[in-house]
Amino acid sequence: MKRVLQPTALAIALVAMTYSAANADGVQIVRVEEEWSLYVGEPSLNTNGPQVSMAMSPKSDLLGHFFMFYINYRTDPDYLPGGAQVQLMYGDEVLLSKDNPNDSLLDQNEETLHWTQVMEMKNGAVEFEIKDGTSKSWGGFGGLGHLKTSVTTGQTNLNSYNPAVSLTQSGVGYAGNRVVSLVLQRISWFTSDGHRYDLHAPIDIDSDLDPWD
């Protein structure tokens, strides 16, 4: 089950303001990037903690097709500890899943994972991929197609994308006391006319967590 978090109203307002600028004047948004960081204080090898789930949708909700990215565990076809997995979802149904080749547990104290979630319109389909992933436990991950999936939806743009979905439907589902922070560092929107809009305003959606409790 995804943990529903409530970022501050100010944080969502900042994101909405930048998104409105990118979505103005009838432009076509064709690519969205979310840059995230996860600071793990002290992972637990015995209990497979922490477990983090990230959601990203081409529309303003999770009622149709959307994507999940699981960190330090996998859920399809069955639960497995460690590694990372992306899933193409439709409602509550998993349509497709792909695993990172390195399926080990996070095992480094005070490590920060960085990655970028990319959603892009390509050849009539919505493509989702994890890119530029780095961690002490796994080394580099993403960007080679291992954590990539796509779906044909009939959409011609990503104008219905709403960053509030990612902010409120992503989080630490288990062993939150092992996490110092989960931060959306940057959002970038790319339009069909070649423009790029960036929001650099770090939003920590787990700022209340203390790994030493």
N, C-alpha and C. Protein backbone atom coordinates (compact mmCIF):
# COMPACT_ATOMS: atom_id res chain seq x y z
N MET A 1 0.83 -1.19 0.00
CA MET A 1 0.00 0.00 0.00
C MET A 1 0.87 1.25 0.00
N LYS A 2 0.52 2.22 -0.83
CA LYS A 2 1.28 3.45 -0.89
C LYS A 2 0.94 4.32 0.29
N ARG A 3 1.96 4.95 0.86
CA ARG A 3 1.76 5.84 1.97
C ARG A 3 1.39 7.21 1.45
N VAL A 4 0.26 7.76 1.88
CA VAL A 4 -0.18 9.07 1.42
C VAL A 4 0.37 10.13 2.36
N LEU A 5 1.16 11.04 1.82
CA LEU A 5 1.79 12.08 2.61
C LEU A 5 1.15 13.42 2.28
N GLN A 6 1.35 14.41 3.14
CA GLN A 6 0.79 15.73 2.94
C GLN A 6 1.88 16.79 2.99
N PRO A 7 2.52 17.08 1.87
CA PRO A 7 3.48 18.18 1.84
C PRO A 7 2.77 19.49 2.19
N THR A 8 3.54 20.49 2.58
CA THR A 8 2.95 21.75 2.98
C THR A 8 2.20 22.39 1.83
N ALA A 9 1.19 23.19 2.17
CA ALA A 9 0.42 23.89 1.15
C ALA A 9 1.31 24.83 0.35
N LEU A 10 2.31 25.43 1.01
CA LEU A 10 3.23 26.33 0.31
C LEU A 10 4.02 25.58 -0.75
N ALA A 11 4.49 24.37 -0.41
CA ALA A 11 5.28 23.59 -1.36
C ALA A 11 4.45 23.26 -2.60
N ILE A 12 3.23 22.82 -2.39
CA ILE A 12 2.36 22.49 -3.52
C ILE A 12 2.04 23.73 -4.33
N ALA A 13 1.86 24.87 -3.65
CA ALA A 13 1.57 26.12 -4.36
C ALA A 13 2.73 26.53 -5.25
N LEU A 14 3.97 26.36 -4.76
CA LEU A 14 5.15 26.69 -5.57
C LEU A 14 5.21 25.82 -6.82
N VAL A 15 4.96 24.53 -6.63
CA VAL A 15 4.98 23.62 -7.77
C VAL A 15 3.88 23.97 -8.75
N ALA A 16 2.69 24.24 -8.23
CA ALA A 16 1.55 24.56 -9.10
C ALA A 16 1.81 25.83 -9.90
N MET A 17 2.46 26.81 -9.28
CA MET A 17 2.74 28.06 -9.96
C MET A 17 3.66 27.85 -11.15
N THR A 18 4.74 27.08 -10.94
CA THR A 18 5.67 26.82 -12.02
C THR A 18 5.03 25.96 -13.10
N TYR A 19 4.23 24.98 -12.67
CA TYR A 19 3.54 24.12 -13.63
C TYR A 19 2.58 24.92 -14.50
N SER A 20 1.89 25.88 -13.90
CA SER A 20 0.96 26.71 -14.66
C SER A 20 1.69 27.49 -15.74
N ALA A 21 2.90 27.97 -15.42
CA ALA A 21 3.68 28.70 -16.42
C ALA A 21 4.06 27.79 -17.58
N ALA A 22 4.44 26.56 -17.25
CA ALA A 22 4.83 25.61 -18.30
C ALA A 22 3.64 25.20 -19.16
N ASN A 23 2.46 25.22 -18.57
CA ASN A 23 1.26 24.71 -19.23
C ASN A 23 0.41 25.84 -19.83
N ALA A 24 0.99 27.05 -19.92
CA ALA A 24 0.24 28.19 -20.40
C ALA A 24 0.20 28.26 -21.92
N ASP A 25 -0.74 29.05 -22.40
CA ASP A 25 -0.81 29.40 -23.83
C ASP A 25 -0.95 28.20 -24.75
N GLY A 26 -1.52 27.11 -24.26
CA GLY A 26 -1.81 25.98 -25.12
C GLY A 26 -0.60 25.23 -25.62
N VAL A 27 0.54 25.34 -24.93
CA VAL A 27 1.72 24.60 -25.36
C VAL A 27 1.55 23.13 -25.07
N GLN A 28 2.34 22.30 -25.74
CA GLN A 28 2.28 20.87 -25.57
C GLN A 28 3.47 20.41 -24.72
N ILE A 29 3.21 19.91 -23.52
CA ILE A 29 4.27 19.37 -22.68
C ILE A 29 4.53 17.94 -23.14
N VAL A 30 5.79 17.65 -23.49
CA VAL A 30 6.12 16.34 -24.05
C VAL A 30 7.08 15.53 -23.17
N ARG A 31 7.64 16.16 -22.13
CA ARG A 31 8.58 15.47 -21.26
C ARG A 31 8.57 16.14 -19.89
N VAL A 32 8.60 15.29 -18.86
CA VAL A 32 8.68 15.80 -17.48
C VAL A 32 9.76 15.01 -16.75
N GLU A 33 10.60 15.73 -16.01
CA GLU A 33 11.63 15.09 -15.19
C GLU A 33 11.44 15.50 -13.73
N GLU A 34 11.51 14.51 -12.85
CA GLU A 34 11.52 14.75 -11.40
C GLU A 34 12.83 14.22 -10.84
N GLU A 35 13.60 15.08 -10.22
CA GLU A 35 14.87 14.69 -9.63
C GLU A 35 14.68 14.52 -8.12
N TRP A 36 15.00 13.32 -7.62
CA TRP A 36 14.75 12.98 -6.22
C TRP A 36 16.04 12.59 -5.51
N SER A 37 16.03 12.73 -4.19
CA SER A 37 17.11 12.20 -3.36
C SER A 37 16.53 11.57 -2.11
N LEU A 38 17.14 10.47 -1.69
CA LEU A 38 16.72 9.74 -0.50
C LEU A 38 17.94 9.58 0.40
N TYR A 39 17.86 10.15 1.60
CA TYR A 39 18.97 10.05 2.55
C TYR A 39 18.59 9.00 3.59
N VAL A 40 19.32 7.88 3.56
CA VAL A 40 19.07 6.77 4.49
C VAL A 40 20.06 6.89 5.65
N GLY A 41 19.54 6.95 6.87
CA GLY A 41 20.41 7.06 8.02
C GLY A 41 21.08 5.74 8.38
N GLU A 42 20.26 4.73 8.63
CA GLU A 42 20.80 3.41 9.02
C GLU A 42 19.84 2.33 8.55
N PRO A 43 20.13 1.66 7.44
CA PRO A 43 19.22 0.62 6.94
C PRO A 43 19.24 -0.61 7.85
N SER A 44 18.19 -1.41 7.74
CA SER A 44 18.10 -2.65 8.51
C SER A 44 18.13 -3.83 7.55
N LEU A 45 19.18 -4.64 7.63
CA LEU A 45 19.27 -5.82 6.78
C LEU A 45 18.32 -6.92 7.26
N ASN A 46 18.06 -6.96 8.56
CA ASN A 46 17.20 -8.02 9.11
C ASN A 46 15.73 -7.83 8.75
N THR A 47 15.29 -6.58 8.65
CA THR A 47 13.87 -6.33 8.40
C THR A 47 13.62 -5.68 7.04
N ASN A 48 14.69 -5.57 6.20
CA ASN A 48 14.53 -4.99 4.87
C ASN A 48 13.94 -3.59 4.93
N GLY A 49 14.56 -2.76 5.74
CA GLY A 49 14.11 -1.39 5.83
C GLY A 49 15.22 -0.42 5.47
N PRO A 50 14.86 0.73 4.89
CA PRO A 50 13.50 1.18 4.60
C PRO A 50 12.98 0.65 3.27
N GLN A 51 11.68 0.81 3.06
CA GLN A 51 11.04 0.47 1.80
C GLN A 51 10.32 1.72 1.30
N VAL A 52 10.66 2.13 0.08
CA VAL A 52 10.17 3.40 -0.45
C VAL A 52 9.43 3.16 -1.76
N SER A 53 8.29 3.81 -1.92
CA SER A 53 7.54 3.70 -3.17
C SER A 53 7.29 5.08 -3.74
N MET A 54 7.52 5.22 -5.05
CA MET A 54 7.39 6.50 -5.74
C MET A 54 6.33 6.35 -6.84
N ALA A 55 5.43 7.31 -6.91
CA ALA A 55 4.37 7.30 -7.92
C ALA A 55 4.56 8.46 -8.89
N MET A 56 4.23 8.24 -10.15
CA MET A 56 4.25 9.30 -11.16
C MET A 56 3.19 8.97 -12.20
N SER A 57 2.37 9.96 -12.54
CA SER A 57 1.24 9.71 -13.44
C SER A 57 1.24 10.70 -14.59
N PRO A 58 0.86 10.25 -15.79
CA PRO A 58 0.73 11.18 -16.92
C PRO A 58 -0.53 12.03 -16.84
N LYS A 59 -1.37 11.73 -15.87
CA LYS A 59 -2.59 12.51 -15.68
C LYS A 59 -2.64 13.04 -14.25
N SER A 60 -3.75 13.62 -13.87
CA SER A 60 -3.84 14.30 -12.58
C SER A 60 -4.32 13.40 -11.45
N ASP A 61 -4.31 12.07 -11.68
CA ASP A 61 -4.75 11.13 -10.66
C ASP A 61 -4.13 9.77 -10.93
N LEU A 62 -4.52 8.78 -10.12
CA LEU A 62 -4.03 7.41 -10.29
C LEU A 62 -5.15 6.48 -10.71
N LEU A 63 -6.14 7.00 -11.41
CA LEU A 63 -7.30 6.19 -11.78
C LEU A 63 -7.06 5.39 -13.05
N GLY A 64 -6.20 5.87 -13.92
CA GLY A 64 -5.90 5.16 -15.16
C GLY A 64 -4.51 4.58 -15.12
N HIS A 65 -3.75 4.74 -16.20
CA HIS A 65 -2.37 4.27 -16.24
C HIS A 65 -1.47 5.20 -15.43
N PHE A 66 -0.56 4.61 -14.67
CA PHE A 66 0.46 5.39 -13.98
C PHE A 66 1.65 4.47 -13.70
N PHE A 67 2.69 5.03 -13.11
CA PHE A 67 3.94 4.30 -12.92
C PHE A 67 4.34 4.32 -11.44
N MET A 68 4.96 3.21 -11.00
CA MET A 68 5.51 3.11 -9.65
C MET A 68 6.98 2.74 -9.73
N PHE A 69 7.74 3.24 -8.77
CA PHE A 69 9.15 2.89 -8.64
C PHE A 69 9.38 2.49 -7.19
N TYR A 70 9.79 1.23 -6.98
CA TYR A 70 9.99 0.70 -5.64
C TYR A 70 11.48 0.60 -5.34
N ILE A 71 11.88 1.06 -4.17
CA ILE A 71 13.28 1.11 -3.76
C ILE A 71 13.50 0.21 -2.56
N ASN A 72 14.44 -0.70 -2.68
CA ASN A 72 14.85 -1.64 -1.63
C ASN A 72 13.85 -2.78 -1.42
N TYR A 73 12.92 -2.93 -2.34
CA TYR A 73 12.03 -4.09 -2.35
C TYR A 73 11.28 -4.13 -3.68
N ARG A 74 10.68 -5.30 -3.96
CA ARG A 74 9.89 -5.49 -5.16
C ARG A 74 8.59 -6.18 -4.77
N THR A 75 7.54 -5.94 -5.53
CA THR A 75 6.23 -6.50 -5.17
C THR A 75 5.61 -7.37 -6.24
N ASP A 76 6.18 -7.42 -7.44
CA ASP A 76 5.59 -8.19 -8.52
C ASP A 76 6.60 -9.18 -9.11
N PRO A 77 6.22 -10.47 -9.28
CA PRO A 77 4.89 -11.03 -8.99
C PRO A 77 4.65 -11.29 -7.50
N ASP A 78 5.71 -11.34 -6.72
CA ASP A 78 5.59 -11.53 -5.28
C ASP A 78 6.59 -10.62 -4.58
N TYR A 79 6.40 -10.46 -3.29
CA TYR A 79 7.31 -9.62 -2.52
C TYR A 79 8.71 -10.23 -2.47
N LEU A 80 9.70 -9.39 -2.74
CA LEU A 80 11.11 -9.78 -2.60
C LEU A 80 11.86 -8.62 -1.97
N PRO A 81 12.75 -8.89 -1.02
CA PRO A 81 13.52 -7.82 -0.41
C PRO A 81 14.65 -7.35 -1.32
N GLY A 82 15.03 -6.08 -1.17
CA GLY A 82 16.17 -5.54 -1.89
C GLY A 82 15.86 -5.13 -3.31
N GLY A 83 16.86 -4.51 -3.94
CA GLY A 83 16.73 -4.13 -5.34
C GLY A 83 15.77 -2.99 -5.58
N ALA A 84 15.38 -2.85 -6.83
CA ALA A 84 14.46 -1.79 -7.25
C ALA A 84 13.61 -2.32 -8.40
N GLN A 85 12.41 -1.78 -8.53
CA GLN A 85 11.49 -2.26 -9.56
C GLN A 85 10.61 -1.11 -10.04
N VAL A 86 10.38 -1.04 -11.35
CA VAL A 86 9.38 -0.13 -11.89
C VAL A 86 8.18 -0.95 -12.32
N GLN A 87 7.01 -0.35 -12.19
CA GLN A 87 5.77 -1.02 -12.58
C GLN A 87 4.90 -0.09 -13.39
N LEU A 88 4.29 -0.64 -14.44
CA LEU A 88 3.22 0.03 -15.15
C LEU A 88 1.92 -0.44 -14.53
N MET A 89 1.13 0.51 -14.04
CA MET A 89 -0.10 0.19 -13.33
C MET A 89 -1.32 0.69 -14.11
N TYR A 90 -2.44 0.01 -13.90
CA TYR A 90 -3.74 0.53 -14.31
C TYR A 90 -4.67 0.31 -13.14
N GLY A 91 -4.98 1.39 -12.44
CA GLY A 91 -5.71 1.24 -11.19
C GLY A 91 -4.89 0.43 -10.21
N ASP A 92 -5.47 -0.66 -9.71
CA ASP A 92 -4.76 -1.53 -8.77
C ASP A 92 -4.04 -2.69 -9.44
N GLU A 93 -4.08 -2.74 -10.78
CA GLU A 93 -3.51 -3.88 -11.50
C GLU A 93 -2.10 -3.57 -12.02
N VAL A 94 -1.17 -4.49 -11.79
CA VAL A 94 0.17 -4.37 -12.34
C VAL A 94 0.17 -4.96 -13.74
N LEU A 95 0.45 -4.14 -14.75
CA LEU A 95 0.46 -4.61 -16.13
C LEU A 95 1.83 -5.10 -16.57
N LEU A 96 2.87 -4.51 -16.00
CA LEU A 96 4.23 -4.87 -16.39
C LEU A 96 5.18 -4.41 -15.29
N SER A 97 6.21 -5.21 -15.02
CA SER A 97 7.22 -4.81 -14.05
C SER A 97 8.61 -5.14 -14.59
N LYS A 98 9.60 -4.33 -14.21
CA LYS A 98 10.99 -4.56 -14.62
C LYS A 98 11.89 -4.27 -13.43
N ASP A 99 12.89 -5.14 -13.23
CA ASP A 99 13.76 -5.06 -12.06
C ASP A 99 15.13 -4.50 -12.41
N ASN A 100 15.73 -3.83 -11.43
CA ASN A 100 17.13 -3.45 -11.54
C ASN A 100 17.99 -4.71 -11.42
N PRO A 101 19.03 -4.86 -12.25
CA PRO A 101 19.86 -6.07 -12.17
C PRO A 101 20.49 -6.31 -10.80
N ASN A 102 20.87 -5.25 -10.11
CA ASN A 102 21.42 -5.39 -8.77
C ASN A 102 20.26 -5.48 -7.78
N ASP A 103 20.06 -6.66 -7.20
CA ASP A 103 18.91 -6.86 -6.31
C ASP A 103 19.32 -6.93 -4.84
N SER A 104 20.48 -6.38 -4.51
CA SER A 104 20.94 -6.43 -3.12
C SER A 104 20.18 -5.42 -2.26
N LEU A 105 20.28 -5.60 -0.95
CA LEU A 105 19.67 -4.69 0.00
C LEU A 105 20.50 -3.42 0.13
N LEU A 106 19.84 -2.32 0.45
CA LEU A 106 20.58 -1.14 0.87
C LEU A 106 21.30 -1.49 2.16
N ASP A 107 22.62 -1.27 2.20
CA ASP A 107 23.38 -1.74 3.37
C ASP A 107 24.41 -0.72 3.86
N GLN A 108 24.32 0.51 3.38
CA GLN A 108 25.29 1.53 3.78
C GLN A 108 24.65 2.58 4.69
N ASN A 109 25.29 2.85 5.82
CA ASN A 109 24.82 3.90 6.71
C ASN A 109 25.06 5.28 6.10
N GLU A 110 24.15 6.17 6.37
CA GLU A 110 24.27 7.57 5.95
C GLU A 110 24.61 7.69 4.46
N GLU A 111 23.82 7.03 3.65
CA GLU A 111 24.01 7.15 2.21
C GLU A 111 22.85 7.90 1.58
N THR A 112 23.16 8.62 0.51
CA THR A 112 22.14 9.35 -0.22
C THR A 112 22.00 8.77 -1.62
N LEU A 113 20.80 8.34 -1.95
CA LEU A 113 20.50 7.88 -3.30
C LEU A 113 19.96 9.07 -4.10
N HIS A 114 20.41 9.19 -5.34
CA HIS A 114 19.91 10.20 -6.25
C HIS A 114 19.38 9.50 -7.50
N TRP A 115 18.30 9.98 -8.05
CA TRP A 115 17.79 9.45 -9.31
C TRP A 115 16.84 10.47 -9.94
N THR A 116 16.59 10.29 -11.24
CA THR A 116 15.65 11.13 -11.97
C THR A 116 14.57 10.25 -12.58
N GLN A 117 13.31 10.62 -12.35
CA GLN A 117 12.16 9.94 -12.94
C GLN A 117 11.76 10.73 -14.18
N VAL A 118 11.79 10.07 -15.33
CA VAL A 118 11.52 10.73 -16.60
C VAL A 118 10.26 10.14 -17.22
N MET A 119 9.34 11.02 -17.60
CA MET A 119 8.13 10.61 -18.29
C MET A 119 8.07 11.41 -19.59
N GLU A 120 7.89 10.70 -20.72
CA GLU A 120 8.02 11.37 -22.01
C GLU A 120 7.07 10.77 -23.04
N MET A 121 6.52 11.63 -23.88
CA MET A 121 5.73 11.17 -25.02
C MET A 121 6.67 10.73 -26.13
N LYS A 122 6.54 9.48 -26.58
CA LYS A 122 7.40 8.97 -27.64
C LYS A 122 6.60 8.03 -28.54
N ASN A 123 6.52 8.39 -29.82
CA ASN A 123 5.86 7.53 -30.82
C ASN A 123 4.46 7.12 -30.39
N GLY A 124 3.71 8.07 -29.85
CA GLY A 124 2.33 7.80 -29.48
C GLY A 124 2.15 7.09 -28.15
N ALA A 125 3.23 6.91 -27.41
CA ALA A 125 3.16 6.22 -26.11
C ALA A 125 3.77 7.11 -25.03
N VAL A 126 3.37 6.84 -23.79
CA VAL A 126 3.98 7.49 -22.64
C VAL A 126 5.07 6.56 -22.11
N GLU A 127 6.30 7.05 -22.08
CA GLU A 127 7.44 6.26 -21.63
C GLU A 127 7.89 6.75 -20.26
N PHE A 128 8.21 5.81 -19.39
CA PHE A 128 8.70 6.12 -18.04
C PHE A 128 10.02 5.41 -17.83
N GLU A 129 11.00 6.14 -17.27
CA GLU A 129 12.31 5.53 -17.03
C GLU A 129 13.00 6.18 -15.84
N ILE A 130 13.72 5.37 -15.09
CA ILE A 130 14.61 5.86 -14.05
C ILE A 130 15.98 6.07 -14.68
N LYS A 131 16.53 7.28 -14.49
CA LYS A 131 17.83 7.60 -15.06
C LYS A 131 18.74 8.23 -14.01
N ASP A 132 20.04 8.17 -14.29
CA ASP A 132 21.05 8.87 -13.49
C ASP A 132 21.01 8.47 -12.01
N GLY A 133 20.69 7.21 -11.73
CA GLY A 133 20.66 6.74 -10.35
C GLY A 133 22.04 6.50 -9.79
N THR A 134 22.26 6.93 -8.56
CA THR A 134 23.53 6.70 -7.88
C THR A 134 23.27 6.32 -6.42
N SER A 135 24.10 5.41 -5.90
CA SER A 135 24.03 5.05 -4.49
C SER A 135 25.32 4.34 -4.11
N LYS A 136 25.64 4.36 -2.82
CA LYS A 136 26.80 3.61 -2.36
C LYS A 136 26.52 2.11 -2.36
N SER A 137 25.30 1.72 -2.08
CA SER A 137 24.96 0.29 -2.00
C SER A 137 24.95 -0.37 -3.37
N TRP A 138 24.40 0.29 -4.37
CA TRP A 138 24.22 -0.32 -5.69
C TRP A 138 25.15 0.23 -6.75
N GLY A 139 25.81 1.35 -6.48
CA GLY A 139 26.52 2.04 -7.54
C GLY A 139 25.52 2.76 -8.43
N GLY A 140 25.80 2.81 -9.74
CA GLY A 140 24.87 3.45 -10.65
C GLY A 140 23.68 2.55 -10.99
N PHE A 141 22.53 3.14 -11.22
CA PHE A 141 21.36 2.37 -11.65
C PHE A 141 20.49 3.25 -12.54
N GLY A 142 19.70 2.58 -13.38
CA GLY A 142 18.84 3.29 -14.32
C GLY A 142 19.59 3.75 -15.56
N GLY A 143 18.82 4.14 -16.57
CA GLY A 143 19.40 4.71 -17.78
C GLY A 143 19.80 3.73 -18.85
N LEU A 144 19.76 2.43 -18.56
CA LEU A 144 20.14 1.42 -19.54
C LEU A 144 18.94 0.58 -20.00
N GLY A 145 17.76 1.03 -19.66
CA GLY A 145 16.55 0.32 -20.07
C GLY A 145 16.05 -0.71 -19.09
N HIS A 146 16.82 -0.99 -18.03
CA HIS A 146 16.40 -1.98 -17.04
C HIS A 146 15.18 -1.49 -16.24
N LEU A 147 15.13 -0.20 -16.01
CA LEU A 147 14.04 0.39 -15.23
C LEU A 147 13.23 1.32 -16.13
N LYS A 148 12.68 0.74 -17.18
CA LYS A 148 11.99 1.51 -18.21
C LYS A 148 10.75 0.76 -18.68
N THR A 149 9.66 1.47 -18.88
CA THR A 149 8.45 0.87 -19.40
C THR A 149 7.66 1.94 -20.15
N SER A 150 6.66 1.53 -20.92
CA SER A 150 5.86 2.49 -21.67
C SER A 150 4.47 1.93 -21.91
N VAL A 151 3.55 2.84 -22.25
CA VAL A 151 2.18 2.42 -22.52
C VAL A 151 1.56 3.36 -23.54
N THR A 152 0.78 2.79 -24.47
CA THR A 152 0.03 3.59 -25.43
C THR A 152 -1.31 3.94 -24.80
N THR A 153 -1.59 5.22 -24.66
CA THR A 153 -2.81 5.65 -23.96
C THR A 153 -3.73 6.51 -24.81
N GLY A 154 -3.29 6.93 -25.98
CA GLY A 154 -4.09 7.85 -26.77
C GLY A 154 -3.79 9.31 -26.47
N GLN A 155 -2.95 9.56 -25.44
CA GLN A 155 -2.55 10.92 -25.14
C GLN A 155 -1.60 11.43 -26.21
N THR A 156 -1.63 12.75 -26.43
CA THR A 156 -0.70 13.38 -27.36
C THR A 156 0.26 14.32 -26.64
N ASN A 157 0.04 14.54 -25.34
CA ASN A 157 0.91 15.40 -24.55
C ASN A 157 0.79 15.02 -23.08
N LEU A 158 1.60 15.69 -22.26
CA LEU A 158 1.58 15.44 -20.82
C LEU A 158 1.02 16.64 -20.05
N ASN A 159 0.13 17.38 -20.69
CA ASN A 159 -0.43 18.57 -20.06
C ASN A 159 -1.27 18.24 -18.83
N SER A 160 -1.75 17.01 -18.74
CA SER A 160 -2.57 16.62 -17.58
C SER A 160 -1.74 16.19 -16.38
N TYR A 161 -0.42 16.05 -16.58
CA TYR A 161 0.46 15.71 -15.46
C TYR A 161 0.30 16.73 -14.33
N ASN A 162 0.19 16.21 -13.11
CA ASN A 162 0.06 17.09 -11.94
C ASN A 162 1.12 16.67 -10.92
N PRO A 163 2.10 17.52 -10.62
CA PRO A 163 3.17 17.14 -9.68
C PRO A 163 2.66 16.84 -8.28
N ALA A 164 1.48 17.32 -7.94
CA ALA A 164 0.94 17.03 -6.62
C ALA A 164 0.69 15.53 -6.43
N VAL A 165 0.45 14.81 -7.53
CA VAL A 165 0.27 13.36 -7.43
C VAL A 165 1.55 12.71 -6.93
N SER A 166 2.68 13.08 -7.53
CA SER A 166 3.96 12.52 -7.09
C SER A 166 4.26 12.87 -5.65
N LEU A 167 3.96 14.11 -5.27
CA LEU A 167 4.27 14.57 -3.91
C LEU A 167 3.43 13.88 -2.85
N THR A 168 2.17 13.63 -3.15
CA THR A 168 1.28 13.08 -2.13
C THR A 168 1.17 11.57 -2.15
N GLN A 169 1.56 10.92 -3.25
CA GLN A 169 1.41 9.48 -3.35
C GLN A 169 2.74 8.72 -3.29
N SER A 170 3.82 9.42 -3.02
CA SER A 170 5.14 8.80 -2.86
C SER A 170 5.56 8.89 -1.40
N GLY A 171 6.39 7.96 -0.95
CA GLY A 171 6.87 8.05 0.42
C GLY A 171 7.49 6.77 0.93
N VAL A 172 7.84 6.80 2.20
CA VAL A 172 8.43 5.65 2.88
C VAL A 172 7.30 4.83 3.48
N GLY A 173 7.08 3.65 2.92
CA GLY A 173 5.97 2.83 3.37
C GLY A 173 6.30 1.98 4.59
N TYR A 174 7.60 1.72 4.81
CA TYR A 174 8.00 0.88 5.93
C TYR A 174 9.37 1.33 6.43
N ALA A 175 9.53 1.32 7.76
CA ALA A 175 10.79 1.69 8.42
C ALA A 175 11.17 3.13 8.13
N GLY A 176 10.19 4.01 8.28
CA GLY A 176 10.45 5.43 8.08
C GLY A 176 11.48 5.99 9.04
N ASN A 177 11.64 5.34 10.19
CA ASN A 177 12.65 5.80 11.15
C ASN A 177 14.07 5.59 10.65
N ARG A 178 14.21 4.86 9.54
CA ARG A 178 15.53 4.64 8.94
C ARG A 178 15.90 5.72 7.93
N VAL A 179 14.98 6.63 7.66
CA VAL A 179 15.16 7.64 6.62
C VAL A 179 15.27 9.03 7.24
N VAL A 180 16.26 9.78 6.78
CA VAL A 180 16.41 11.17 7.20
C VAL A 180 15.53 12.09 6.35
N SER A 181 15.55 11.87 5.03
CA SER A 181 14.76 12.74 4.16
C SER A 181 14.48 12.06 2.82
N LEU A 182 13.38 12.46 2.22
CA LEU A 182 13.02 12.08 0.85
C LEU A 182 12.63 13.38 0.17
N VAL A 183 13.47 13.84 -0.76
CA VAL A 183 13.36 15.21 -1.26
C VAL A 183 13.15 15.26 -2.76
N LEU A 184 12.13 15.98 -3.19
CA LEU A 184 11.98 16.33 -4.60
C LEU A 184 12.85 17.56 -4.84
N GLN A 185 13.97 17.36 -5.52
CA GLN A 185 14.95 18.43 -5.70
C GLN A 185 14.61 19.38 -6.85
N ARG A 186 14.06 18.82 -7.92
CA ARG A 186 13.83 19.63 -9.10
C ARG A 186 12.75 19.00 -9.96
N ILE A 187 11.93 19.83 -10.60
CA ILE A 187 11.01 19.39 -11.65
C ILE A 187 11.33 20.19 -12.90
N SER A 188 11.38 19.50 -14.03
CA SER A 188 11.59 20.17 -15.31
C SER A 188 10.50 19.73 -16.28
N TRP A 189 9.94 20.72 -17.00
CA TRP A 189 8.94 20.46 -18.03
C TRP A 189 9.54 20.86 -19.37
N PHE A 190 9.36 20.02 -20.40
CA PHE A 190 9.86 20.29 -21.73
C PHE A 190 8.66 20.36 -22.68
N THR A 191 8.62 21.37 -23.51
CA THR A 191 7.49 21.55 -24.42
C THR A 191 7.89 21.26 -25.85
N SER A 192 6.88 21.04 -26.68
CA SER A 192 7.13 20.65 -28.06
C SER A 192 7.79 21.76 -28.87
N ASP A 193 7.71 23.00 -28.40
CA ASP A 193 8.35 24.10 -29.12
C ASP A 193 9.77 24.36 -28.64
N GLY A 194 10.32 23.43 -27.84
CA GLY A 194 11.72 23.52 -27.46
C GLY A 194 12.02 24.25 -26.18
N HIS A 195 11.01 24.67 -25.44
CA HIS A 195 11.25 25.37 -24.19
C HIS A 195 11.35 24.41 -23.02
N ARG A 196 12.07 24.87 -22.01
CA ARG A 196 12.22 24.10 -20.77
C ARG A 196 11.89 25.00 -19.58
N TYR A 197 11.12 24.45 -18.63
CA TYR A 197 10.78 25.17 -17.41
C TYR A 197 11.29 24.36 -16.22
N ASP A 198 11.99 25.01 -15.30
CA ASP A 198 12.56 24.33 -14.15
C ASP A 198 12.05 24.92 -12.85
N LEU A 199 11.81 24.06 -11.89
CA LEU A 199 11.53 24.48 -10.52
C LEU A 199 12.60 23.87 -9.63
N HIS A 200 13.48 24.71 -9.10
CA HIS A 200 14.49 24.28 -8.14
C HIS A 200 14.04 24.76 -6.76
N ALA A 201 13.27 23.95 -6.09
CA ALA A 201 12.77 24.31 -4.76
C ALA A 201 12.63 23.02 -3.98
N PRO A 202 13.70 22.56 -3.32
CA PRO A 202 13.64 21.26 -2.64
C PRO A 202 12.45 21.13 -1.69
N ILE A 203 11.70 20.05 -1.89
CA ILE A 203 10.53 19.77 -1.05
C ILE A 203 10.76 18.44 -0.36
N ASP A 204 10.94 18.47 0.96
CA ASP A 204 11.18 17.26 1.73
C ASP A 204 9.84 16.72 2.19
N ILE A 205 9.44 15.59 1.63
CA ILE A 205 8.13 15.05 1.99
C ILE A 205 8.20 14.12 3.18
N ASP A 206 9.40 13.92 3.75
CA ASP A 206 9.55 13.11 4.96
C ASP A 206 10.43 13.83 5.98
N SER A 207 10.26 15.13 6.10
CA SER A 207 11.15 15.91 6.96
C SER A 207 10.95 15.64 8.44
N ASP A 208 9.87 14.95 8.79
CA ASP A 208 9.60 14.68 10.21
C ASP A 208 10.28 13.42 10.71
N LEU A 209 10.98 12.70 9.82
CA LEU A 209 11.52 11.40 10.22
C LEU A 209 12.90 11.56 10.86
N ASP A 210 13.15 10.73 11.87
CA ASP A 210 14.44 10.76 12.58
C ASP A 210 15.00 9.35 12.59
N PRO A 211 16.13 9.12 11.87
CA PRO A 211 16.66 7.76 11.76
C PRO A 211 17.24 7.22 13.05
N TRP A 212 17.43 8.05 14.02
CA TRP A 212 18.08 7.60 15.25
C TRP A 212 17.09 7.26 16.36
N ASP A 213 15.79 7.39 16.06
CA ASP A 213 14.79 7.00 17.07
C ASP A 213 14.71 5.49 17.21
